[in-house]
PDB file of all heavy atoms in Angstrom:
ATOM      1  N   ASP A   1     -33.709 -94.095 153.996  1.00  0.00           N
ATOM      2  CA  ASP A   1     -34.247 -93.075 154.941  1.00  0.00           C
ATOM      3  C   ASP A   1     -35.105 -91.997 154.278  1.00  0.00           C
ATOM      4  O   ASP A   1     -35.110 -90.877 154.719  1.00  0.00           O
ATOM      5  CB  ASP A   1     -33.067 -92.444 155.686  1.00  0.00           C
ATOM      6  CG  ASP A   1     -31.969 -91.838 154.788  1.00  0.00           C
ATOM      7  OD1 ASP A   1     -32.068 -92.124 153.543  1.00  0.00           O
ATOM      8  OD2 ASP A   1     -31.135 -91.118 155.249  1.00  0.00           O
ATOM      9  N   VAL A   2     -35.720 -92.349 153.153  1.00  0.00           N
ATOM     10  CA  VAL A   2     -36.602 -91.444 152.496  1.00  0.00           C
ATOM     11  C   VAL A   2     -37.854 -92.227 152.028  1.00  0.00           C
ATOM     12  O   VAL A   2     -37.719 -93.409 151.687  1.00  0.00           O
ATOM     13  CB  VAL A   2     -35.948 -90.737 151.300  1.00  0.00           C
ATOM     14  CG1 VAL A   2     -35.564 -91.789 150.193  1.00  0.00           C
ATOM     15  CG2 VAL A   2     -36.889 -89.661 150.685  1.00  0.00           C
ATOM     16  N   GLY A   3     -39.000 -91.600 152.085  1.00  0.00           N
ATOM     17  CA  GLY A   3     -40.208 -92.325 151.675  1.00  0.00           C
ATOM     18  C   GLY A   3     -40.207 -92.566 150.183  1.00  0.00           C
ATOM     19  O   GLY A   3     -39.852 -91.772 149.393  1.00  0.00           O
ATOM     20  N   LEU A   4     -40.718 -93.751 149.813  1.00  0.00           N
ATOM     21  CA  LEU A   4     -40.877 -94.164 148.417  1.00  0.00           C
ATOM     22  C   LEU A   4     -42.279 -94.603 148.148  1.00  0.00           C
ATOM     23  O   LEU A   4     -42.878 -95.379 148.920  1.00  0.00           O
ATOM     24  CB  LEU A   4     -39.933 -95.312 148.101  1.00  0.00           C
ATOM     25  CG  LEU A   4     -38.422 -95.044 148.221  1.00  0.00           C
ATOM     26  CD1 LEU A   4     -37.655 -96.293 147.844  1.00  0.00           C
ATOM     27  CD2 LEU A   4     -37.993 -93.852 147.294  1.00  0.00           C
ATOM     28  N   GLU A   5     -42.862 -94.083 147.176  1.00  0.00           N
ATOM     29  CA  GLU A   5     -44.297 -94.316 146.746  1.00  0.00           C
ATOM     30  C   GLU A   5     -44.329 -94.886 145.361  1.00  0.00           C
ATOM     31  O   GLU A   5     -43.615 -94.425 144.446  1.00  0.00           O
ATOM     32  CB  GLU A   5     -45.087 -93.010 146.826  1.00  0.00           C
ATOM     33  CG  GLU A   5     -46.526 -93.180 146.511  1.00  0.00           C
ATOM     34  CD  GLU A   5     -47.270 -91.804 146.710  1.00  0.00           C
ATOM     35  OE1 GLU A   5     -47.284 -91.334 147.909  1.00  0.00           O
ATOM     36  OE2 GLU A   5     -47.747 -91.226 145.765  1.00  0.00           O
ATOM     37  N   ILE A   6     -45.208 -95.870 145.123  1.00  0.00           N
ATOM     38  CA  ILE A   6     -45.362 -96.458 143.808  1.00  0.00           C
ATOM     39  C   ILE A   6     -46.824 -96.541 143.449  1.00  0.00           C
ATOM     40  O   ILE A   6     -47.659 -96.668 144.360  1.00  0.00           O
ATOM     41  CB  ILE A   6     -44.752 -97.824 143.680  1.00  0.00           C
ATOM     42  CG1 ILE A   6     -45.409 -98.834 144.618  1.00  0.00           C
ATOM     43  CG2 ILE A   6     -43.224 -97.780 143.884  1.00  0.00           C
ATOM     44  CD1 ILE A   6     -44.946-100.249 144.464  1.00  0.00           C
ATOM     45  N   PHE A   7     -47.151 -96.483 142.164  1.00  0.00           N
ATOM     46  CA  PHE A   7     -48.499 -96.643 141.719  1.00  0.00           C
ATOM     47  C   PHE A   7     -48.832 -98.175 141.691  1.00  0.00           C
ATOM     48  O   PHE A   7     -47.990 -98.949 141.192  1.00  0.00           O
ATOM     49  CB  PHE A   7     -48.716 -96.106 140.285  1.00  0.00           C
ATOM     50  CG  PHE A   7     -48.883 -94.642 140.239  1.00  0.00           C
ATOM     51  CD1 PHE A   7     -47.817 -93.785 140.197  1.00  0.00           C
ATOM     52  CD2 PHE A   7     -50.176 -94.102 140.260  1.00  0.00           C
ATOM     53  CE1 PHE A   7     -47.968 -92.392 140.146  1.00  0.00           C
ATOM     54  CE2 PHE A   7     -50.389 -92.697 140.211  1.00  0.00           C
ATOM     55  CZ  PHE A   7     -49.272 -91.868 140.198  1.00  0.00           C
ATOM     56  N   VAL A   8     -49.991 -98.565 142.174  1.00  0.00           N
ATOM     57  CA  VAL A   8     -50.399 -99.957 142.111  1.00  0.00           C
ATOM     58  C   VAL A   8     -51.634-100.172 141.213  1.00  0.00           C
ATOM     59  O   VAL A   8     -51.918-101.327 140.845  1.00  0.00           O
ATOM     60  CB  VAL A   8     -50.663-100.550 143.522  1.00  0.00           C
ATOM     61  CG1 VAL A   8     -49.438-100.639 144.297  1.00  0.00           C
ATOM     62  CG2 VAL A   8     -51.736 -99.749 144.287  1.00  0.00           C
ATOM     63  N   HIS A   9     -52.408 -99.079 140.948  1.00  0.00           N
ATOM     64  CA  HIS A   9     -53.634 -99.274 140.227  1.00  0.00           C
ATOM     65  C   HIS A   9     -54.025 -97.979 139.473  1.00  0.00           C
ATOM     66  O   HIS A   9     -53.855 -96.906 140.011  1.00  0.00           O
ATOM     67  CB  HIS A   9     -54.749 -99.684 141.119  1.00  0.00           C
ATOM     68  CG  HIS A   9     -55.904-100.307 140.438  1.00  0.00           C
ATOM     69  ND1 HIS A   9     -56.033-101.624 140.294  1.00  0.00           N
ATOM     70  CD2 HIS A   9     -56.967 -99.753 139.831  1.00  0.00           C
ATOM     71  CE1 HIS A   9     -57.108-101.978 139.656  1.00  0.00           C
ATOM     72  NE2 HIS A   9     -57.753-100.845 139.329  1.00  0.00           N
ATOM     73  N   GLY A  10     -54.480 -98.147 138.242  1.00  0.00           N
ATOM     74  CA  GLY A  10     -55.037 -96.982 137.506  1.00  0.00           C
ATOM     75  C   GLY A  10     -54.596 -96.986 136.056  1.00  0.00           C
ATOM     76  O   GLY A  10     -53.919 -97.818 135.585  1.00  0.00           O
ATOM     77  N   ALA A  11     -54.990 -95.855 135.401  1.00  0.00           N
ATOM     78  CA  ALA A  11     -54.709 -95.714 133.947  1.00  0.00           C
ATOM     79  C   ALA A  11     -53.179 -95.588 133.690  1.00  0.00           C
ATOM     80  O   ALA A  11     -52.457 -95.054 134.530  1.00  0.00           O
ATOM     81  CB  ALA A  11     -55.443 -94.494 133.387  1.00  0.00           C
ATOM     82  N   MET A  12     -52.732 -96.088 132.591  1.00  0.00           N
ATOM     83  CA  MET A  12     -51.414 -95.957 132.123  1.00  0.00           C
ATOM     84  C   MET A  12     -51.298 -95.061 130.901  1.00  0.00           C
ATOM     85  O   MET A  12     -52.163 -95.075 129.992  1.00  0.00           O
ATOM     86  CB  MET A  12     -50.858 -97.347 131.671  1.00  0.00           C
ATOM     87  CG  MET A  12     -50.616 -98.288 132.819  1.00  0.00           C
ATOM     88  SD  MET A  12     -49.148 -97.777 133.854  1.00  0.00           S
ATOM     89  CE  MET A  12     -47.821 -98.109 132.697  1.00  0.00           C
ATOM     90  N   CYS A  13     -50.348 -94.115 130.977  1.00  0.00           N
ATOM     91  CA  CYS A  13     -50.177 -93.226 129.860  1.00  0.00           C
ATOM     92  C   CYS A  13     -49.347 -93.943 128.710  1.00  0.00           C
ATOM     93  O   CYS A  13     -48.358 -94.562 129.089  1.00  0.00           O
ATOM     94  CB  CYS A  13     -49.403 -91.988 130.313  1.00  0.00           C
ATOM     95  SG  CYS A  13     -49.207 -90.725 128.985  1.00  0.00           S
ATOM     96  N   MET A  14     -49.808 -93.782 127.521  1.00  0.00           N
ATOM     97  CA  MET A  14     -49.116 -94.390 126.379  1.00  0.00           C
ATOM     98  C   MET A  14     -47.736 -93.763 126.210  1.00  0.00           C
ATOM     99  O   MET A  14     -46.809 -94.391 125.708  1.00  0.00           O
ATOM    100  CB  MET A  14     -49.975 -94.283 125.147  1.00  0.00           C
ATOM    101  CG  MET A  14     -49.337 -94.912 123.888  1.00  0.00           C
ATOM    102  SD  MET A  14     -49.162 -96.690 124.096  1.00  0.00           S
ATOM    103  CE  MET A  14     -48.169 -97.030 122.609  1.00  0.00           C
ATOM    104  N   SER A  15     -47.613 -92.509 126.553  1.00  0.00           N
ATOM    105  CA  SER A  15     -46.388 -91.815 126.474  1.00  0.00           C
ATOM    106  C   SER A  15     -45.535 -92.005 127.771  1.00  0.00           C
ATOM    107  O   SER A  15     -45.776 -92.997 128.456  1.00  0.00           O
ATOM    108  CB  SER A  15     -46.585 -90.352 126.182  1.00  0.00           C
ATOM    109  OG  SER A  15     -45.403 -89.618 125.949  1.00  0.00           O
ATOM    110  N   TYR A  16     -44.762 -90.991 128.089  1.00  0.00           N
ATOM    111  CA  TYR A  16     -43.799 -91.156 129.258  1.00  0.00           C
ATOM    112  C   TYR A  16     -44.381 -90.421 130.410  1.00  0.00           C
ATOM    113  O   TYR A  16     -44.139 -89.260 130.628  1.00  0.00           O
ATOM    114  CB  TYR A  16     -42.413 -90.676 128.911  1.00  0.00           C
ATOM    115  CG  TYR A  16     -41.331 -91.141 129.846  1.00  0.00           C
ATOM    116  CD1 TYR A  16     -40.743 -92.415 129.556  1.00  0.00           C
ATOM    117  CD2 TYR A  16     -40.952 -90.413 130.894  1.00  0.00           C
ATOM    118  CE1 TYR A  16     -39.703 -92.864 130.386  1.00  0.00           C
ATOM    119  CE2 TYR A  16     -40.004 -90.887 131.708  1.00  0.00           C
ATOM    120  CZ  TYR A  16     -39.321 -92.086 131.519  1.00  0.00           C
ATOM    121  OH  TYR A  16     -38.332 -92.563 132.288  1.00  0.00           O
ATOM    122  N   SER A  17     -45.212 -91.146 131.302  1.00  0.00           N
ATOM    123  CA  SER A  17     -45.776 -90.524 132.453  1.00  0.00           C
ATOM    124  C   SER A  17     -46.344 -89.143 132.332  1.00  0.00           C
ATOM    125  O   SER A  17     -45.943 -88.200 132.988  1.00  0.00           O
ATOM    126  CB  SER A  17     -44.737 -90.561 133.572  1.00  0.00           C
ATOM    127  OG  SER A  17     -44.473 -91.896 134.042  1.00  0.00           O
ATOM    128  N   GLY A  18     -47.228 -88.954 131.349  1.00  0.00           N
ATOM    129  CA  GLY A  18     -47.906 -87.694 131.237  1.00  0.00           C
ATOM    130  C   GLY A  18     -47.194 -86.640 130.448  1.00  0.00           C
ATOM    131  O   GLY A  18     -47.551 -85.486 130.361  1.00  0.00           O
ATOM    132  N   ARG A  19     -46.042 -87.031 129.742  1.00  0.00           N
ATOM    133  CA  ARG A  19     -45.337 -86.064 128.971  1.00  0.00           C
ATOM    134  C   ARG A  19     -45.755 -85.976 127.500  1.00  0.00           C
ATOM    135  O   ARG A  19     -45.132 -85.329 126.721  1.00  0.00           O
ATOM    136  CB  ARG A  19     -43.812 -86.500 129.034  1.00  0.00           C
ATOM    137  CG  ARG A  19     -43.199 -86.441 130.369  1.00  0.00           C
ATOM    138  CD  ARG A  19     -42.920 -85.076 130.838  1.00  0.00           C
ATOM    139  NE  ARG A  19     -42.218 -85.011 132.123  1.00  0.00           N
ATOM    140  CZ  ARG A  19     -41.571 -84.033 132.541  1.00  0.00           C
ATOM    141  NH1 ARG A  19     -41.531 -82.897 131.883  1.00  0.00           N
ATOM    142  NH2 ARG A  19     -40.973 -84.003 133.750  1.00  0.00           N
ATOM    143  N   CYS A  20     -46.880 -86.616 127.165  1.00  0.00           N
ATOM    144  CA  CYS A  20     -47.337 -86.677 125.824  1.00  0.00           C
ATOM    145  C   CYS A  20     -47.739 -85.300 125.317  1.00  0.00           C
ATOM    146  O   CYS A  20     -48.409 -84.572 125.982  1.00  0.00           O
ATOM    147  CB  CYS A  20     -48.545 -87.632 125.722  1.00  0.00           C
ATOM    148  SG  CYS A  20     -49.180 -87.824 124.077  1.00  0.00           S
ATOM    149  N   LEU A  21     -47.375 -85.012 124.012  1.00  0.00           N
ATOM    150  CA  LEU A  21     -47.729 -83.749 123.388  1.00  0.00           C
ATOM    151  C   LEU A  21     -48.888 -83.925 122.401  1.00  0.00           C
ATOM    152  O   LEU A  21     -49.327 -82.974 121.840  1.00  0.00           O
ATOM    153  CB  LEU A  21     -46.545 -83.078 122.687  1.00  0.00           C
ATOM    154  CG  LEU A  21     -45.409 -82.677 123.586  1.00  0.00           C
ATOM    155  CD1 LEU A  21     -44.244 -82.157 122.687  1.00  0.00           C
ATOM    156  CD2 LEU A  21     -45.845 -81.570 124.504  1.00  0.00           C
ATOM    157  N   LEU A  22     -49.348 -85.161 122.228  1.00  0.00           N
ATOM    158  CA  LEU A  22     -50.339 -85.461 121.165  1.00  0.00           C
ATOM    159  C   LEU A  22     -51.625 -84.675 121.421  1.00  0.00           C
ATOM    160  O   LEU A  22     -52.172 -84.077 120.477  1.00  0.00           O
ATOM    161  CB  LEU A  22     -50.584 -86.948 121.131  1.00  0.00           C
ATOM    162  CG  LEU A  22     -51.375 -87.510 119.944  1.00  0.00           C
ATOM    163  CD1 LEU A  22     -50.604 -87.232 118.649  1.00  0.00           C
ATOM    164  CD2 LEU A  22     -51.578 -89.006 120.068  1.00  0.00           C
ATOM    165  N   SER A  23     -52.091 -84.672 122.605  1.00  0.00           N
ATOM    166  CA  SER A  23     -53.346 -83.995 122.963  1.00  0.00           C
ATOM    167  C   SER A  23     -53.203 -82.498 122.661  1.00  0.00           C
ATOM    168  O   SER A  23     -54.127 -81.852 122.047  1.00  0.00           O
ATOM    169  CB  SER A  23     -53.762 -84.310 124.367  1.00  0.00           C
ATOM    170  OG  SER A  23     -54.897 -83.489 124.776  1.00  0.00           O
ATOM    171  N   ASN A  24     -52.143 -81.924 123.123  1.00  0.00           N
ATOM    172  CA  ASN A  24     -51.957 -80.448 122.947  1.00  0.00           C
ATOM    173  C   ASN A  24     -51.809 -80.092 121.475  1.00  0.00           C
ATOM    174  O   ASN A  24     -52.378 -79.122 121.024  1.00  0.00           O
ATOM    175  CB  ASN A  24     -50.709 -80.027 123.720  1.00  0.00           C
ATOM    176  CG  ASN A  24     -50.720 -78.572 124.049  1.00  0.00           C
ATOM    177  OD1 ASN A  24     -51.559 -77.784 123.545  1.00  0.00           O
ATOM    178  ND2 ASN A  24     -49.875 -78.161 124.951  1.00  0.00           N
ATOM    179  N   PHE A  25     -51.138 -80.956 120.724  1.00  0.00           N
ATOM    180  CA  PHE A  25     -50.861 -80.697 119.327  1.00  0.00           C
ATOM    181  C   PHE A  25     -52.116 -80.702 118.470  1.00  0.00           C
ATOM    182  O   PHE A  25     -52.318 -79.902 117.591  1.00  0.00           O
ATOM    183  CB  PHE A  25     -49.839 -81.683 118.811  1.00  0.00           C
ATOM    184  CG  PHE A  25     -49.295 -81.413 117.449  1.00  0.00           C
ATOM    185  CD1 PHE A  25     -48.331 -80.433 117.242  1.00  0.00           C
ATOM    186  CD2 PHE A  25     -49.790 -82.128 116.357  1.00  0.00           C
ATOM    187  CE1 PHE A  25     -47.838 -80.207 115.994  1.00  0.00           C
ATOM    188  CE2 PHE A  25     -49.275 -81.829 115.093  1.00  0.00           C
ATOM    189  CZ  PHE A  25     -48.356 -80.890 114.877  1.00  0.00           C
ATOM    190  N   ILE A  26     -52.986 -81.720 118.792  1.00  0.00           N
ATOM    191  CA  ILE A  26     -54.196 -81.934 117.938  1.00  0.00           C
ATOM    192  C   ILE A  26     -55.402 -81.197 118.459  1.00  0.00           C
ATOM    193  O   ILE A  26     -56.176 -80.605 117.642  1.00  0.00           O
ATOM    194  CB  ILE A  26     -54.494 -83.369 117.808  1.00  0.00           C
ATOM    195  CG1 ILE A  26     -53.341 -84.137 117.101  1.00  0.00           C
ATOM    196  CG2 ILE A  26     -55.826 -83.662 117.112  1.00  0.00           C
ATOM    197  CD1 ILE A  26     -53.480 -85.606 116.899  1.00  0.00           C
ATOM    198  N   THR A  27     -55.598 -81.104 119.756  1.00  0.00           N
ATOM    199  CA  THR A  27     -56.819 -80.510 120.282  1.00  0.00           C
ATOM    200  C   THR A  27     -56.574 -79.281 121.098  1.00  0.00           C
ATOM    201  O   THR A  27     -57.559 -78.550 121.443  1.00  0.00           O
ATOM    202  CB  THR A  27     -57.554 -81.540 121.249  1.00  0.00           C
ATOM    203  OG1 THR A  27     -56.741 -81.704 122.437  1.00  0.00           O
ATOM    204  CG2 THR A  27     -57.700 -82.896 120.542  1.00  0.00           C
ATOM    205  N   GLY A  28     -55.374 -78.897 121.469  1.00  0.00           N
ATOM    206  CA  GLY A  28     -55.059 -77.756 122.269  1.00  0.00           C
ATOM    207  C   GLY A  28     -55.303 -77.936 123.681  1.00  0.00           C
ATOM    208  O   GLY A  28     -55.258 -77.048 124.529  1.00  0.00           O
ATOM    209  N   ARG A  29     -55.521 -79.170 124.099  1.00  0.00           N
ATOM    210  CA  ARG A  29     -55.730 -79.538 125.515  1.00  0.00           C
ATOM    211  C   ARG A  29     -54.427 -80.137 126.045  1.00  0.00           C
ATOM    212  O   ARG A  29     -54.061 -81.297 125.685  1.00  0.00           O
ATOM    213  CB  ARG A  29     -56.914 -80.510 125.693  1.00  0.00           C
ATOM    214  CG  ARG A  29     -58.266 -79.867 125.420  1.00  0.00           C
ATOM    215  CD  ARG A  29     -59.365 -80.863 125.298  1.00  0.00           C
ATOM    216  NE  ARG A  29     -59.414 -81.784 126.462  1.00  0.00           N
ATOM    217  CZ  ARG A  29     -60.318 -82.721 126.552  1.00  0.00           C
ATOM    218  NH1 ARG A  29     -61.242 -82.912 125.607  1.00  0.00           N
ATOM    219  NH2 ARG A  29     -60.345 -83.545 127.587  1.00  0.00           N
ATOM    220  N   PRO A  30     -53.722 -79.402 126.958  1.00  0.00           N
ATOM    221  CA  PRO A  30     -52.392 -79.900 127.401  1.00  0.00           C
ATOM    222  C   PRO A  30     -52.462 -81.029 128.394  1.00  0.00           C
ATOM    223  O   PRO A  30     -53.058 -80.913 129.439  1.00  0.00           O
ATOM    224  CB  PRO A  30     -51.775 -78.644 128.001  1.00  0.00           C
ATOM    225  CG  PRO A  30     -52.962 -77.854 128.462  1.00  0.00           C
ATOM    226  CD  PRO A  30     -54.055 -78.126 127.461  1.00  0.00           C
ATOM    227  N   ALA A  31     -51.811 -82.172 128.117  1.00  0.00           N
ATOM    228  CA  ALA A  31     -51.742 -83.287 128.996  1.00  0.00           C
ATOM    229  C   ALA A  31     -50.947 -82.859 130.297  1.00  0.00           C
ATOM    230  O   ALA A  31     -51.346 -83.328 131.396  1.00  0.00           O
ATOM    231  CB  ALA A  31     -51.093 -84.449 128.338  1.00  0.00           C
ATOM    232  N   ASN A  32     -50.005 -82.060 130.183  1.00  0.00           N
ATOM    233  CA  ASN A  32     -49.201 -81.648 131.341  1.00  0.00           C
ATOM    234  C   ASN A  32     -49.921 -80.694 132.194  1.00  0.00           C
ATOM    235  O   ASN A  32     -49.329 -80.155 133.246  1.00  0.00           O
ATOM    236  CB  ASN A  32     -47.867 -81.146 130.852  1.00  0.00           C
ATOM    237  CG  ASN A  32     -46.949 -82.225 130.314  1.00  0.00           C
ATOM    238  OD1 ASN A  32     -47.245 -83.357 130.524  1.00  0.00           O
ATOM    239  ND2 ASN A  32     -45.927 -81.856 129.620  1.00  0.00           N
ATOM    240  N   ARG A  33     -51.160 -80.317 131.916  1.00  0.00           N
ATOM    241  CA  ARG A  33     -52.009 -79.503 132.802  1.00  0.00           C
ATOM    242  C   ARG A  33     -53.230 -80.342 133.166  1.00  0.00           C
ATOM    243  O   ARG A  33     -54.235 -79.756 133.630  1.00  0.00           O
ATOM    244  CB  ARG A  33     -52.407 -78.240 132.121  1.00  0.00           C
ATOM    245  CG  ARG A  33     -51.322 -77.184 131.943  1.00  0.00           C
ATOM    246  CD  ARG A  33     -51.106 -76.490 133.289  1.00  0.00           C
ATOM    247  NE  ARG A  33     -50.091 -75.442 133.174  1.00  0.00           N
ATOM    248  CZ  ARG A  33     -49.933 -74.493 134.068  1.00  0.00           C
ATOM    249  NH1 ARG A  33     -50.670 -74.348 135.068  1.00  0.00           N
ATOM    250  NH2 ARG A  33     -48.959 -73.559 133.861  1.00  0.00           N
ATOM    251  N   GLY A  34     -53.197 -81.641 132.911  1.00  0.00           N
ATOM    252  CA  GLY A  34     -54.249 -82.493 133.279  1.00  0.00           C
ATOM    253  C   GLY A  34     -55.472 -82.476 132.410  1.00  0.00           C
ATOM    254  O   GLY A  34     -56.514 -82.942 132.781  1.00  0.00           O
ATOM    255  N   ALA A  35     -55.380 -81.877 131.238  1.00  0.00           N
ATOM    256  CA  ALA A  35     -56.520 -81.755 130.372  1.00  0.00           C
ATOM    257  C   ALA A  35     -56.397 -82.708 129.161  1.00  0.00           C
ATOM    258  O   ALA A  35     -57.003 -82.393 128.079  1.00  0.00           O
ATOM    259  CB  ALA A  35     -56.674 -80.297 129.855  1.00  0.00           C
ATOM    260  N   CYS A  36     -55.674 -83.801 129.302  1.00  0.00           N
ATOM    261  CA  CYS A  36     -55.493 -84.672 128.125  1.00  0.00           C
ATOM    262  C   CYS A  36     -56.788 -85.201 127.573  1.00  0.00           C
ATOM    263  O   CYS A  36     -57.693 -85.585 128.254  1.00  0.00           O
ATOM    264  CB  CYS A  36     -54.610 -85.906 128.661  1.00  0.00           C
ATOM    265  SG  CYS A  36     -54.199 -87.035 127.344  1.00  0.00           S
ATOM    266  N   ALA A  37     -56.855 -85.145 126.216  1.00  0.00           N
ATOM    267  CA  ALA A  37     -58.037 -85.666 125.506  1.00  0.00           C
ATOM    268  C   ALA A  37     -57.975 -87.135 125.277  1.00  0.00           C
ATOM    269  O   ALA A  37     -58.815 -87.751 124.590  1.00  0.00           O
ATOM    270  CB  ALA A  37     -58.166 -84.931 124.125  1.00  0.00           C
ATOM    271  N   GLN A  38     -56.850 -87.786 125.731  1.00  0.00           N
ATOM    272  CA  GLN A  38     -56.663 -89.243 125.608  1.00  0.00           C
ATOM    273  C   GLN A  38     -56.795 -89.726 124.159  1.00  0.00           C
ATOM    274  O   GLN A  38     -57.526 -90.612 123.848  1.00  0.00           O
ATOM    275  CB  GLN A  38     -57.596 -90.019 126.547  1.00  0.00           C
ATOM    276  CG  GLN A  38     -57.304 -89.785 128.051  1.00  0.00           C
ATOM    277  CD  GLN A  38     -57.954 -90.865 128.912  1.00  0.00           C
ATOM    278  OE1 GLN A  38     -58.989 -91.398 128.544  1.00  0.00           O
ATOM    279  NE2 GLN A  38     -57.372 -91.080 130.047  1.00  0.00           N
ATOM    280  N   LEU A  39     -56.046 -89.108 123.335  1.00  0.00           N
ATOM    281  CA  LEU A  39     -56.009 -89.479 121.887  1.00  0.00           C
ATOM    282  C   LEU A  39     -55.468 -90.879 121.718  1.00  0.00           C
ATOM    283  O   LEU A  39     -55.679 -91.478 120.687  1.00  0.00           O
ATOM    284  CB  LEU A  39     -55.187 -88.497 121.082  1.00  0.00           C
ATOM    285  CG  LEU A  39     -55.967 -87.241 120.592  1.00  0.00           C
ATOM    286  CD1 LEU A  39     -56.108 -86.247 121.755  1.00  0.00           C
ATOM    287  CD2 LEU A  39     -55.354 -86.583 119.373  1.00  0.00           C
ATOM    288  N   CYS A  40     -54.717 -91.401 122.721  1.00  0.00           N
ATOM    289  CA  CYS A  40     -54.238 -92.709 122.559  1.00  0.00           C
ATOM    290  C   CYS A  40     -55.357 -93.782 122.665  1.00  0.00           C
ATOM    291  O   CYS A  40     -55.160 -94.937 122.330  1.00  0.00           O
ATOM    292  CB  CYS A  40     -53.126 -92.977 123.660  1.00  0.00           C
ATOM    293  SG  CYS A  40     -53.722 -92.685 125.344  1.00  0.00           S
ATOM    294  N   ARG A  41     -56.540 -93.377 123.092  1.00  0.00           N
ATOM    295  CA  ARG A  41     -57.659 -94.281 123.202  1.00  0.00           C
ATOM    296  C   ARG A  41     -58.480 -94.277 121.930  1.00  0.00           C
ATOM    297  O   ARG A  41     -59.458 -94.968 121.757  1.00  0.00           O
ATOM    298  CB  ARG A  41     -58.559 -93.924 124.391  1.00  0.00           C
ATOM    299  CG  ARG A  41     -57.851 -93.717 125.714  1.00  0.00           C
ATOM    300  CD  ARG A  41     -57.185 -94.901 126.179  1.00  0.00           C
ATOM    301  NE  ARG A  41     -56.560 -94.714 127.466  1.00  0.00           N
ATOM    302  CZ  ARG A  41     -55.584 -95.451 127.976  1.00  0.00           C
ATOM    303  NH1 ARG A  41     -55.195 -96.492 127.352  1.00  0.00           N
ATOM    304  NH2 ARG A  41     -55.064 -95.186 129.189  1.00  0.00           N
ATOM    305  N   TRP A  42     -58.148 -93.347 120.983  1.00  0.00           N
ATOM    306  CA  TRP A  42     -58.970 -93.209 119.807  1.00  0.00           C
ATOM    307  C   TRP A  42     -58.705 -94.385 118.806  1.00  0.00           C
ATOM    308  O   TRP A  42     -57.685 -94.997 118.805  1.00  0.00           O
ATOM    309  CB  TRP A  42     -58.708 -91.881 119.142  1.00  0.00           C
ATOM    310  CG  TRP A  42     -59.212 -90.694 119.912  1.00  0.00           C
ATOM    311  CD1 TRP A  42     -59.591 -90.647 121.198  1.00  0.00           C
ATOM    312  CD2 TRP A  42     -59.213 -89.321 119.399  1.00  0.00           C
ATOM    313  NE1 TRP A  42     -59.862 -89.418 121.602  1.00  0.00           N
ATOM    314  CE2 TRP A  42     -59.676 -88.538 120.549  1.00  0.00           C
ATOM    315  CE3 TRP A  42     -58.861 -88.718 118.205  1.00  0.00           C
ATOM    316  CZ2 TRP A  42     -59.832 -87.183 120.427  1.00  0.00           C
ATOM    317  CZ3 TRP A  42     -59.079 -87.325 118.122  1.00  0.00           C
ATOM    318  CH2 TRP A  42     -59.547 -86.610 119.171  1.00  0.00           C
TER     319      TRP A  42
END
């Protein structure tokens, strides 16, 4: 009796659903504010 939503298509985070600190630590761009530099693609 509650709505359930799932992702079916799109980018996957190498960390745990956007909890990665790598971007913030190296570039100062926080993933948890949507500014991820996507260092996992480097």
